[in-house]
Every structure is written in structure tokens, then in C-alpha cells.
Amino acid sequence: MKPTLYILTLLLLSFNAFGQASYSGFIDQYPIELVTNIYSDGVASAFYAYSNYDEPIVINGELKQGKLTLNEKDSNDQNLPPFHLFKK
């Protein structure tokens, strides 16, 4: 999980306060694409997919005081540790 957090942190060093943004990068050696939507009320929805597999993974969260928190669930609908991203 830590490599995922580091990679997504690098991908999202800068994100828009509101709107949609898309990024590409890697988790380990696997290329991914990430799309985020941040709404005016701070609600965030995002998904990422491994470029070789076209199966989107949904992550949701919120933007509060420049901190974007994204939560992913596992196959048993249990929360995985959240991703915390900070706006510079």
C-alpha cells in the first residue's frame, strides 16, 4: 500500500481546487491513469485504472482546507487506508 500512496502523492502534487483533472503515472512498474472530479462543496470522486487492464477502480473523498483525502474500498467493501494529498 505504501508504494501506491507515494506514487499517487507524486501524481497529485498539484491539483485543481475545483473541476476535473487527469493524470498518468505508475504504481510500481505498472502504468496507470487517474481522473479526479472535485466539486464546489468539497466532495471528490475519482477513479484510476491500470493502462493494460481497462478496469476502473473507484475512490471517493473530500477536499478540506487544501487537503484532498481519497478513500478506496477492497473487494469486501472495507475501507483501505486513505490517500492524503496536500495542495501547495
Protein backbone atom coordinates (compact mmCIF):
# COMPACT_ATOMS: atom_id res chain seq x y z
CA MET A 1 0.00 0.00 0.00
CA LYS A 2 2.83 2.45 0.75
CA PRO A 3 4.15 2.40 -2.84
CA THR A 4 0.65 3.26 -4.03
CA LEU A 5 0.46 6.20 -1.63
CA TYR A 6 3.84 7.54 -2.72
CA ILE A 7 3.07 7.23 -6.41
CA LEU A 8 -0.34 8.89 -6.12
CA THR A 9 1.18 11.64 -3.98
CA LEU A 10 3.70 12.31 -6.73
CA LEU A 11 0.96 12.26 -9.34
CA LEU A 12 -1.14 14.78 -7.45
CA LEU A 13 1.42 17.24 -6.13
CA SER A 14 -0.75 19.90 -7.64
CA PHE A 15 -4.48 19.56 -8.11
CA ASN A 16 -7.20 21.99 -9.03
CA ALA A 17 -9.37 23.43 -6.30
CA PHE A 18 -12.46 22.56 -8.31
CA GLY A 19 -13.01 20.69 -11.52
CA GLN A 20 -11.75 17.66 -13.31
CA ALA A 21 -8.12 16.71 -13.71
CA SER A 22 -6.46 13.67 -15.20
CA TYR A 23 -3.01 12.28 -14.55
CA SER A 24 -0.88 9.38 -15.68
CA GLY A 25 1.93 7.67 -13.85
CA PHE A 26 3.00 4.39 -12.37
CA ILE A 27 2.24 2.18 -9.40
CA ASP A 28 5.39 0.11 -9.11
CA GLN A 29 6.20 -0.64 -12.78
CA TYR A 30 2.56 -0.64 -13.90
CA PRO A 31 1.27 2.39 -15.84
CA ILE A 32 -1.97 3.92 -14.54
CA GLU A 33 -4.34 6.72 -15.45
CA LEU A 34 -6.17 8.72 -12.77
CA VAL A 35 -9.15 11.07 -13.20
CA THR A 36 -10.41 13.24 -10.33
CA ASN A 37 -13.55 15.35 -10.01
CA ILE A 38 -13.68 17.88 -7.19
CA TYR A 39 -16.97 19.68 -6.72
CA SER A 40 -17.61 23.12 -5.22
CA ASP A 41 -18.88 21.60 -1.95
CA GLY A 42 -15.56 19.75 -1.45
CA VAL A 43 -16.84 16.31 -2.44
CA ALA A 44 -14.31 14.42 -4.55
CA SER A 45 -14.75 11.40 -6.76
CA ALA A 46 -12.00 9.75 -8.71
CA PHE A 47 -11.06 6.58 -10.47
CA TYR A 48 -7.88 5.06 -11.67
CA ALA A 49 -7.15 2.18 -14.00
CA TYR A 50 -4.09 0.23 -14.90
CA SER A 51 -3.41 1.11 -18.53
CA ASN A 52 -3.06 -2.53 -19.54
CA TYR A 53 -6.40 -3.57 -17.97
CA ASP A 54 -9.26 -1.09 -18.54
CA GLU A 55 -10.93 -1.96 -15.22
CA PRO A 56 -11.57 1.30 -13.29
CA ILE A 57 -11.06 1.41 -9.53
CA VAL A 58 -13.31 3.97 -7.82
CA ILE A 59 -12.05 6.15 -4.99
CA ASN A 60 -14.07 8.88 -3.25
CA GLY A 61 -13.24 11.55 -0.74
CA GLU A 62 -13.29 15.22 0.11
CA LEU A 63 -11.26 18.40 -0.16
CA LYS A 64 -10.99 20.37 3.09
CA GLN A 65 -8.62 23.27 3.72
CA GLY A 66 -6.27 22.30 0.88
CA LYS A 67 -6.12 18.61 1.87
CA LEU A 68 -7.59 16.06 -0.53
CA THR A 69 -8.43 12.73 1.13
CA LEU A 70 -9.35 9.81 -1.12
CA ASN A 71 -10.75 6.52 0.20
CA GLU A 72 -10.64 3.19 -1.61
CA LYS A 73 -12.56 0.05 -0.67
CA ASP A 74 -11.38 -3.52 -1.08
CA SER A 75 -13.36 -6.38 -2.60
CA ASN A 76 -15.12 -6.94 0.78
CA ASP A 77 -16.32 -3.30 0.84
CA GLN A 78 -13.89 -2.50 3.67
CA ASN A 79 -12.04 0.82 3.69
CA LEU A 80 -8.37 0.71 2.81
CA PRO A 81 -6.02 3.30 4.33
CA PRO A 82 -6.86 6.71 2.82
CA PHE A 83 -4.67 8.73 0.47
CA HIS A 84 -3.93 12.22 1.79
CA LEU A 85 -2.81 14.82 -0.75
CA PHE A 86 -1.94 18.41 0.07
CA LYS A 87 -2.16 21.46 -2.14
CA LYS A 88 0.92 23.66 -2.19
